[in-house]
């Protein structure tokens, strides 16, 4: 893997890690009593946001797997 692809891989890794952290915090909020303190429309939108963020994280995870597979064939670590 060339240097440019390595940089992309690192950016995707950072984005994935940050997103997983945000997903965890949102999940905790959605399971807490605090969710009952906000407007039902806002709560609904937060649930959709959670689902969308999770789908996006899954895409990033697949991209990372592809980069890792490529690195095995090119010797990049």
Protein backbone atom coordinates (compact mmCIF):
# COMPACT_ATOMS: atom_id res chain seq x y z
CA UNK A 1 0.00 0.00 0.00
CA UNK A 2 1.42 3.36 -0.94
CA UNK A 3 1.81 6.31 1.39
CA UNK A 4 -1.36 8.03 0.16
CA UNK A 5 -3.47 4.93 0.81
CA UNK A 6 -1.81 4.55 4.20
CA UNK A 7 -2.86 8.11 5.09
CA UNK A 8 -6.42 7.41 3.96
CA UNK A 9 -6.44 4.23 6.04
CA UNK A 10 -5.31 6.17 9.11
CA UNK A 11 -7.97 8.86 8.59
CA UNK A 12 -10.67 6.22 8.20
CA UNK A 13 -9.40 4.46 11.34
CA UNK A 14 -9.56 7.68 13.38
CA UNK A 15 -13.01 8.50 12.01
CA UNK A 16 -14.22 4.98 12.82
CA UNK A 17 -12.86 5.09 16.37
CA UNK A 18 -14.40 8.52 17.05
CA UNK A 19 -17.71 7.43 15.57
CA UNK A 20 -17.83 4.26 17.69
CA UNK A 21 -17.29 6.40 20.79
CA UNK A 22 -20.14 8.74 19.81
CA UNK A 23 -22.39 5.77 19.05
CA UNK A 24 -21.68 4.36 22.50
CA UNK A 25 -22.56 7.63 24.20
CA UNK A 26 -25.74 8.01 22.17
CA UNK A 27 -26.73 4.41 22.93
CA UNK A 28 -26.22 5.04 26.64
CA UNK A 29 -28.37 8.17 26.42
CA UNK A 30 -31.13 6.35 24.54
CA UNK A 31 -31.22 3.67 27.25
CA UNK A 32 -31.23 6.18 30.09
CA UNK A 33 -34.08 7.92 31.83
CA UNK A 34 -32.90 11.20 30.29
CA UNK A 35 -34.48 10.23 26.98
CA UNK A 36 -37.88 10.72 28.61
CA UNK A 37 -37.06 14.35 29.34
CA UNK A 38 -36.88 15.40 25.70
CA UNK A 39 -39.54 15.95 23.08
CA UNK A 40 -40.80 12.75 21.44
CA UNK A 41 -39.87 14.02 17.98
CA UNK A 42 -36.32 14.69 19.16
CA UNK A 43 -36.16 11.22 20.74
CA UNK A 44 -37.38 9.66 17.50
CA UNK A 45 -34.80 11.57 15.49
CA UNK A 46 -32.05 10.52 17.89
CA UNK A 47 -33.01 6.88 17.37
CA UNK A 48 -32.82 7.37 13.60
CA UNK A 49 -29.48 9.12 14.07
CA UNK A 50 -28.23 6.15 16.10
CA UNK A 51 -29.27 3.71 13.38
CA UNK A 52 -27.67 5.85 10.68
CA UNK A 53 -24.44 6.29 12.61
CA UNK A 54 -24.30 2.53 13.18
CA UNK A 55 -24.79 1.87 9.46
CA UNK A 56 -22.03 4.38 8.66
CA UNK A 57 -19.71 2.72 11.19
CA UNK A 58 -20.36 -0.62 9.49
CA UNK A 59 -19.34 0.88 6.16
CA UNK A 60 -16.15 2.29 7.66
CA UNK A 61 -15.42 -1.08 9.23
CA UNK A 62 -15.74 -2.77 5.82
CA UNK A 63 -13.46 -0.18 4.25
CA UNK A 64 -10.87 -0.80 6.96
CA UNK A 65 -11.08 -4.53 6.35
CA UNK A 66 -10.43 -3.96 2.65
CA UNK A 67 -7.41 -1.76 3.43
CA UNK A 68 -6.10 -4.40 5.82
CA UNK A 69 -6.56 -7.14 3.24
CA UNK A 70 -4.72 -5.02 0.69
CA UNK A 71 -1.90 -4.43 3.16
CA UNK A 72 -1.40 -8.18 3.51
CA UNK A 73 -0.84 -8.51 -0.21
CA UNK A 74 1.43 -5.48 -0.49
CA UNK A 75 3.36 -5.83 2.76
CA UNK A 76 2.07 -2.63 4.37
CA UNK A 77 1.65 -2.90 8.18
